[in-house]
Amino acid sequence: MASILDQVVQVGVESTYGTAVAPTRAFEAKADTFTRDVEYIQSVGFRRDLQTVRSDRDDTISLGATGSIEMDVMDKGMGLLLQHTLGTAAGPTQQGASTAYLQTHSTDDTGPTGSYTVQVSRVDSGGTMRTFTYEGSTITGFNIGQDLGSATTMTFNFDAETEQTSTAEATPAYVASTDPYVYTEATIEIDDTAVTSFTSFSLDGDLGMKTDRRFLKGSATKGQPKRAAVPSYTGSISGEFADLTNFNKFINGTTFKLEFIVTKGTAISGSYFPYFHVTIPVAKFTGSTPVASLDDLTAIDLPFTVLDNGSDAAVQITYMSTDTAF
């Protein structure tokens, strides 16, 4: 008999959008948010003795599903999801003759073109595992977060073509010997200089994907999401109010380079260390003024927006690990 401790989230990369594949990797998701999307079409007209909507005039249409995978950022195994998050993926490229491999994931003008099959196994109250399979799962947004006392987290938001329960559960396969990045390994740099007074970092990406591509074609099956709006990348940094430097960037509208980096202390080989590195070539603070307190040091919240300089990727994630493939 299964328990809630046996529940699992698994992912496989599809060759064709909406054509399910067997999941190849299990992830230690921190929440289950995948839910079916439906619409109800009811027909009501003048009819003698009508009491309410007739049962034969009520239709249920499945629109697919939405959900997210929230997880701690690990020092291995992230590439499978990262490869179809921002738009462009390169690598993994071996570093020298070492066992270190570098992946580079960058935003572009088209957005993600790949899709996944996501499988969520949920145990019912009788101890039976019920497997829900989400075909045609395309990433539509993401969040990267870091707080004090916590691991680095990343959330991948999905739109799925179909939810079904007829596919058997794949055997979960986890990446061996993974370790999460934690706050003591994190640094934030502005214009290539580390700032040591910040206490949190977050970055949200809305990839501008159109998810309701339905047509008059005799079915409710929709087309793969495609970019239909200008993407938005925004975030926030909080910390102690150390001086006027970053506040002046806000009031003067000064743009700057922003980087968030988490690095393991033990090298993979030689000078190659595991890391997860977010680079934003051009960012701009959108607020705010420092706030004083009677029971704590003066604090400042600095929300920011990401801009395009016309040459570099607006957001880039480089990921050093021992992974030889995504």
Protein backbone atom coordinates (compact mmCIF):
# COMPACT_ATOMS: atom_id res chain seq x y z
CA MET A 1 0.00 0.00 0.00
CA ALA A 2 1.36 3.42 -1.00
CA SER A 3 1.50 6.49 1.24
CA ILE A 4 1.95 10.20 0.55
CA LEU A 5 5.71 9.58 0.82
CA ASP A 6 5.53 7.56 -2.42
CA GLN A 7 4.17 10.40 -4.55
CA VAL A 8 6.41 11.45 -7.41
CA VAL A 9 6.79 13.97 -10.25
CA GLN A 10 8.52 12.76 -13.42
CA VAL A 11 9.41 14.42 -16.71
CA GLY A 12 10.35 13.35 -20.24
CA VAL A 13 11.22 15.46 -23.27
CA GLU A 14 8.78 15.02 -26.17
CA SER A 15 9.90 14.65 -29.77
CA THR A 16 6.51 15.89 -30.99
CA TYR A 17 4.26 18.26 -29.08
CA GLY A 18 1.44 16.38 -27.39
CA THR A 19 2.79 12.92 -28.17
CA ALA A 20 3.51 11.36 -24.81
CA VAL A 21 6.88 9.84 -24.01
CA ALA A 22 7.95 7.79 -21.03
CA PRO A 23 9.40 10.06 -18.33
CA THR A 24 13.14 9.72 -17.96
CA ARG A 25 13.81 11.70 -14.80
CA ALA A 26 12.11 12.20 -11.45
CA PHE A 27 12.37 15.52 -9.63
CA GLU A 28 11.88 16.23 -5.94
CA ALA A 29 9.03 18.67 -6.44
CA LYS A 30 7.95 20.66 -3.38
CA ALA A 31 4.26 20.99 -4.31
CA ASP A 32 1.60 19.53 -6.60
CA THR A 33 -0.22 22.23 -8.56
CA PHE A 34 -1.18 20.50 -11.84
CA THR A 35 -4.92 20.80 -12.44
CA ARG A 36 -7.26 20.19 -15.36
CA ASP A 37 -8.76 23.23 -17.08
CA VAL A 38 -12.36 22.86 -18.27
CA GLU A 39 -15.19 24.97 -19.66
CA TYR A 40 -18.92 24.32 -19.57
CA ILE A 41 -21.21 25.15 -22.46
CA GLN A 42 -24.90 25.26 -21.65
CA SER A 43 -27.82 25.70 -23.98
CA VAL A 44 -30.92 27.38 -22.55
CA GLY A 45 -34.00 28.40 -24.51
CA PHE A 46 -37.74 28.70 -24.13
CA ARG A 47 -39.10 25.26 -23.19
CA ARG A 48 -42.29 24.38 -21.35
CA ASP A 49 -41.84 23.03 -17.82
CA LEU A 50 -38.11 23.91 -17.75
CA GLN A 51 -36.83 23.90 -14.13
CA THR A 52 -33.14 24.61 -14.74
CA VAL A 53 -30.51 23.80 -17.37
CA ARG A 54 -31.34 20.42 -18.89
CA SER A 55 -28.78 17.65 -18.38
CA ASP A 56 -28.70 17.00 -22.13
CA ARG A 57 -27.92 20.67 -22.81
CA ASP A 58 -24.79 20.81 -20.63
CA ASP A 59 -21.41 19.99 -22.23
CA THR A 60 -18.00 19.76 -20.57
CA ILE A 61 -14.96 20.66 -22.65
CA SER A 62 -11.43 19.76 -21.51
CA LEU A 63 -9.00 22.58 -22.21
CA GLY A 64 -5.83 20.82 -21.04
CA ALA A 65 -4.14 21.65 -17.77
CA THR A 66 -1.79 24.04 -16.01
CA GLY A 67 0.68 23.50 -13.22
CA SER A 68 4.20 24.05 -11.99
CA ILE A 69 7.20 22.18 -10.70
CA GLU A 70 8.79 23.92 -7.72
CA MET A 71 12.09 22.47 -6.61
CA ASP A 72 15.40 23.23 -4.95
CA VAL A 73 18.17 23.96 -7.43
CA MET A 74 20.50 20.97 -7.38
CA ASP A 75 24.14 20.74 -8.37
CA LYS A 76 23.24 18.13 -11.01
CA GLY A 77 20.27 17.21 -13.17
CA MET A 78 18.69 20.63 -13.81
CA GLY A 79 19.45 20.74 -17.53
CA LEU A 80 16.49 18.59 -18.56
CA LEU A 81 14.10 21.36 -17.51
CA LEU A 82 16.36 24.32 -18.23
CA GLN A 83 16.80 23.37 -21.89
CA HIS A 84 13.24 24.42 -22.78
CA THR A 85 12.81 27.28 -20.31
CA LEU A 86 14.42 30.38 -21.79
CA GLY A 87 14.58 29.69 -25.52
CA THR A 88 18.14 28.73 -26.45
CA ALA A 89 20.27 25.99 -24.91
CA ALA A 90 23.92 25.11 -25.58
CA GLY A 91 26.16 22.38 -24.22
CA PRO A 92 26.95 20.60 -22.05
CA THR A 93 30.51 21.44 -23.06
CA GLN A 94 33.43 19.68 -21.40
CA GLN A 95 35.79 22.04 -19.61
CA GLY A 96 39.35 21.20 -20.51
CA ALA A 97 40.01 17.53 -19.90
CA SER A 98 37.99 17.57 -16.68
CA THR A 99 34.70 15.97 -15.64
CA ALA A 100 33.11 19.44 -15.48
CA TYR A 101 30.56 20.35 -18.16
CA LEU A 102 29.04 23.77 -18.82
CA GLN A 103 25.49 24.43 -20.01
CA THR A 104 24.31 27.85 -21.23
CA HIS A 105 20.61 28.71 -21.35
CA SER A 106 19.60 32.06 -22.85
CA THR A 107 16.48 34.04 -23.65
CA ASP A 108 15.78 34.81 -27.30
CA ASP A 109 13.04 36.30 -29.46
CA THR A 110 11.04 33.10 -30.02
CA GLY A 111 10.89 31.48 -26.60
CA PRO A 112 10.67 27.76 -25.77
CA THR A 113 9.90 25.46 -28.70
CA GLY A 114 10.18 22.11 -26.91
CA SER A 115 7.62 20.31 -24.78
CA TYR A 116 7.49 17.69 -22.05
CA THR A 117 5.40 14.85 -20.79
CA VAL A 118 4.91 15.39 -17.06
CA GLN A 119 3.68 12.56 -14.87
CA VAL A 120 2.35 13.18 -11.36
CA SER A 121 1.61 10.13 -9.20
CA ARG A 122 -0.85 10.82 -6.39
CA VAL A 123 -1.89 8.36 -3.71
CA ASP A 124 -5.57 8.09 -2.87
CA SER A 125 -6.94 7.60 0.65
CA GLY A 126 -7.04 3.83 0.13
CA GLY A 127 -3.31 3.67 -0.53
CA THR A 128 -3.54 3.20 -4.30
CA MET A 129 -1.22 5.25 -6.51
CA ARG A 130 -3.09 7.16 -9.22
CA THR A 131 -0.95 8.40 -12.09
CA PHE A 132 -1.89 11.57 -13.96
CA THR A 133 -0.07 12.24 -17.23
CA TYR A 134 0.18 15.72 -18.73
CA GLU A 135 1.04 15.59 -22.42
CA GLY A 136 2.27 18.59 -24.37
CA SER A 137 3.58 20.44 -21.31
CA THR A 138 5.26 23.67 -22.41
CA ILE A 139 7.05 26.03 -20.03
CA THR A 140 5.37 29.44 -19.97
CA GLY A 141 7.24 31.10 -17.11
CA PHE A 142 9.59 30.59 -14.20
CA ASN A 143 10.75 31.91 -10.85
CA ILE A 144 14.18 31.81 -9.22
CA GLY A 145 14.33 32.65 -5.52
CA GLN A 146 16.78 32.88 -2.66
CA ASP A 147 16.08 33.75 0.97
CA LEU A 148 18.14 33.52 4.11
CA GLY A 149 18.01 30.12 5.78
CA SER A 150 16.83 28.39 2.60
CA ALA A 151 17.94 26.47 -0.42
CA THR A 152 17.93 28.16 -3.82
CA THR A 153 14.60 27.44 -5.50
CA MET A 154 13.31 27.43 -9.06
CA THR A 155 9.74 27.04 -10.24
CA PHE A 156 8.83 26.05 -13.79
CA ASN A 157 5.30 26.97 -14.93
CA PHE A 158 3.61 24.74 -17.50
CA ASP A 159 0.67 24.73 -19.86
CA ALA A 160 -0.34 21.20 -20.90
CA GLU A 161 -2.35 20.06 -23.92
CA THR A 162 -3.97 17.08 -22.17
CA GLU A 163 -4.47 15.48 -18.76
CA GLN A 164 -5.15 11.73 -18.73
CA THR A 165 -5.00 8.84 -16.27
CA SER A 166 -4.66 5.89 -18.64
CA THR A 167 -0.87 5.74 -18.82
CA ALA A 168 0.93 3.54 -16.31
CA GLU A 169 3.48 5.10 -14.00
CA ALA A 170 7.06 5.02 -15.22
CA THR A 171 9.69 3.73 -12.81
CA PRO A 172 11.08 6.83 -11.07
CA ALA A 173 14.72 7.57 -11.96
CA TYR A 174 16.45 10.17 -9.81
CA VAL A 175 19.83 11.74 -10.47
CA ALA A 176 22.23 10.17 -7.99
CA SER A 177 24.14 12.08 -5.31
CA THR A 178 22.66 15.53 -5.83
CA ASP A 179 23.05 18.39 -3.37
CA PRO A 180 20.94 21.59 -3.26
CA TYR A 181 22.49 25.02 -3.41
CA VAL A 182 21.87 26.98 -0.21
CA TYR A 183 21.95 30.61 0.87
CA THR A 184 25.47 30.47 2.31
CA GLU A 185 26.74 29.69 -1.21
CA ALA A 186 24.94 32.65 -2.82
CA THR A 187 26.28 36.01 -3.92
CA ILE A 188 24.74 38.98 -5.73
CA GLU A 189 26.83 41.21 -7.96
CA ILE A 190 26.00 44.60 -9.40
CA ASP A 191 28.27 45.79 -12.22
CA ASP A 192 30.68 42.92 -11.44
CA THR A 193 31.06 43.89 -7.77
CA ALA A 194 29.64 41.75 -4.97
CA VAL A 195 27.10 43.51 -2.73
CA THR A 196 27.19 42.01 0.77
CA SER A 197 24.14 43.70 2.35
CA PHE A 198 21.35 41.90 0.46
CA THR A 199 19.18 39.27 2.15
CA SER A 200 16.93 38.00 -0.67
CA PHE A 201 16.71 37.70 -4.43
CA SER A 202 13.89 36.77 -6.79
CA LEU A 203 13.44 36.74 -10.55
CA ASP A 204 10.15 36.07 -12.34
CA GLY A 205 9.84 35.35 -16.04
CA ASP A 206 6.61 35.62 -18.02
CA LEU A 207 7.56 34.24 -21.44
CA GLY A 208 4.63 35.84 -23.28
CA MET A 209 3.30 32.51 -24.60
CA LYS A 210 -0.18 32.20 -26.14
CA THR A 211 -1.70 29.08 -24.56
CA ASP A 212 -5.26 29.04 -25.97
CA ARG A 213 -4.49 28.20 -29.58
CA ARG A 214 -7.76 26.41 -30.37
CA PHE A 215 -9.42 26.18 -33.76
CA LEU A 216 -12.62 25.02 -35.43
CA LYS A 217 -11.24 21.61 -36.38
CA GLY A 218 -13.63 19.15 -34.82
CA SER A 219 -11.81 18.75 -31.51
CA ALA A 220 -10.68 20.68 -28.45
CA THR A 221 -7.02 19.84 -29.07
CA LYS A 222 -4.99 23.03 -29.13
CA GLY A 223 -1.80 24.09 -30.86
CA GLN A 224 1.52 24.30 -29.08
CA PRO A 225 1.94 27.57 -27.16
CA LYS A 226 3.89 30.20 -29.06
CA ARG A 227 5.16 33.63 -28.16
CA ALA A 228 2.47 36.22 -28.72
CA ALA A 229 3.50 39.03 -26.37
CA VAL A 230 6.63 40.82 -25.21
CA PRO A 231 8.13 38.74 -22.40
CA SER A 232 8.48 40.29 -18.97
CA TYR A 233 11.35 39.58 -16.58
CA THR A 234 11.05 41.27 -13.21
CA GLY A 235 12.38 40.67 -9.75
CA SER A 236 13.31 42.09 -6.39
CA ILE A 237 16.30 42.36 -4.11
CA SER A 238 15.94 43.17 -0.42
CA GLY A 239 18.46 43.88 2.29
CA GLU A 240 19.90 46.31 4.76
CA PHE A 241 20.09 49.95 3.72
CA ALA A 242 23.88 50.21 3.55
CA ASP A 243 24.32 53.48 1.64
CA LEU A 244 22.80 55.58 -1.15
CA THR A 245 24.49 53.77 -4.03
CA ASN A 246 21.63 51.56 -5.16
CA PHE A 247 18.94 54.02 -4.07
CA ASN A 248 20.56 56.60 -6.37
CA LYS A 249 20.40 54.09 -9.22
CA PHE A 250 16.66 53.96 -8.60
CA ILE A 251 16.01 57.71 -8.50
CA ASN A 252 18.35 58.42 -11.44
CA GLY A 253 17.04 55.58 -13.61
CA THR A 254 20.55 54.16 -13.95
CA THR A 255 20.82 50.76 -15.58
CA PHE A 256 23.27 48.13 -14.35
CA LYS A 257 24.44 44.55 -14.78
CA LEU A 258 22.95 42.15 -12.21
CA GLU A 259 24.16 38.65 -11.37
CA PHE A 260 22.98 35.98 -8.95
CA ILE A 261 25.46 33.17 -8.34
CA VAL A 262 25.45 30.08 -6.14
CA THR A 263 28.68 28.09 -6.07
CA LYS A 264 29.65 24.88 -4.31
CA GLY A 265 32.81 25.00 -2.24
CA THR A 266 34.26 21.75 -3.55
CA ALA A 267 35.63 21.72 -7.09
CA ILE A 268 34.54 19.19 -9.66
CA SER A 269 38.07 19.19 -10.96
CA GLY A 270 40.91 21.71 -10.76
CA SER A 271 39.42 25.21 -10.89
CA TYR A 272 35.97 24.08 -12.09
CA PHE A 273 33.35 24.40 -9.35
CA PRO A 274 29.66 23.49 -9.58
CA TYR A 275 27.58 26.64 -9.97
CA PHE A 276 24.23 28.07 -11.01
CA HIS A 277 24.76 31.56 -12.41
CA VAL A 278 22.06 34.00 -13.53
CA THR A 279 23.29 36.95 -15.60
CA ILE A 280 21.15 39.98 -16.45
CA PRO A 281 23.21 42.38 -18.59
CA VAL A 282 20.79 45.30 -18.19
CA ALA A 283 18.47 45.84 -15.24
CA LYS A 284 16.78 48.91 -13.79
CA PHE A 285 15.47 49.45 -10.27
CA THR A 286 11.80 50.46 -10.11
CA GLY A 287 11.69 51.30 -6.35
CA SER A 288 11.82 52.04 -3.52
CA THR A 289 12.72 54.31 -0.58
CA PRO A 290 14.42 52.84 2.53
CA VAL A 291 12.13 52.19 5.49
CA ALA A 292 13.23 52.83 9.08
CA SER A 293 12.19 50.75 12.08
CA LEU A 294 12.32 50.86 15.87
CA ASP A 295 13.20 47.18 16.18
CA ASP A 296 15.52 46.48 13.25
CA LEU A 297 18.10 48.06 10.97
CA THR A 298 16.79 50.27 8.17
CA ALA A 299 15.83 48.08 5.23
CA ILE A 300 15.33 48.61 1.52
CA ASP A 301 13.37 46.68 -1.09
CA LEU A 302 14.60 47.13 -4.64
CA PRO A 303 12.25 45.73 -7.27
CA PHE A 304 13.79 45.68 -10.73
CA THR A 305 12.91 45.07 -14.36
CA VAL A 306 15.07 43.47 -17.01
CA LEU A 307 15.76 45.34 -20.25
CA ASP A 308 17.16 44.34 -23.65
CA ASN A 309 20.42 45.97 -24.78
CA GLY A 310 20.00 44.73 -28.34
CA SER A 311 22.99 42.37 -28.33
CA ASP A 312 23.10 40.12 -25.25
CA ALA A 313 20.51 37.67 -23.99
CA ALA A 314 18.21 39.52 -21.58
CA VAL A 315 18.58 36.64 -19.10
CA GLN A 316 21.21 33.91 -19.19
CA ILE A 317 21.68 30.92 -16.91
CA THR A 318 25.00 29.12 -16.94
CA TYR A 319 25.15 25.81 -15.11
CA MET A 320 28.35 23.96 -14.29
CA SER A 321 27.99 20.34 -13.26
CA THR A 322 29.17 16.85 -14.07
CA ASP A 323 26.17 16.28 -16.38
CA THR A 324 27.33 15.16 -19.82
CA ALA A 325 23.83 15.62 -21.26
CA PHE A 326 20.74 17.67 -20.44
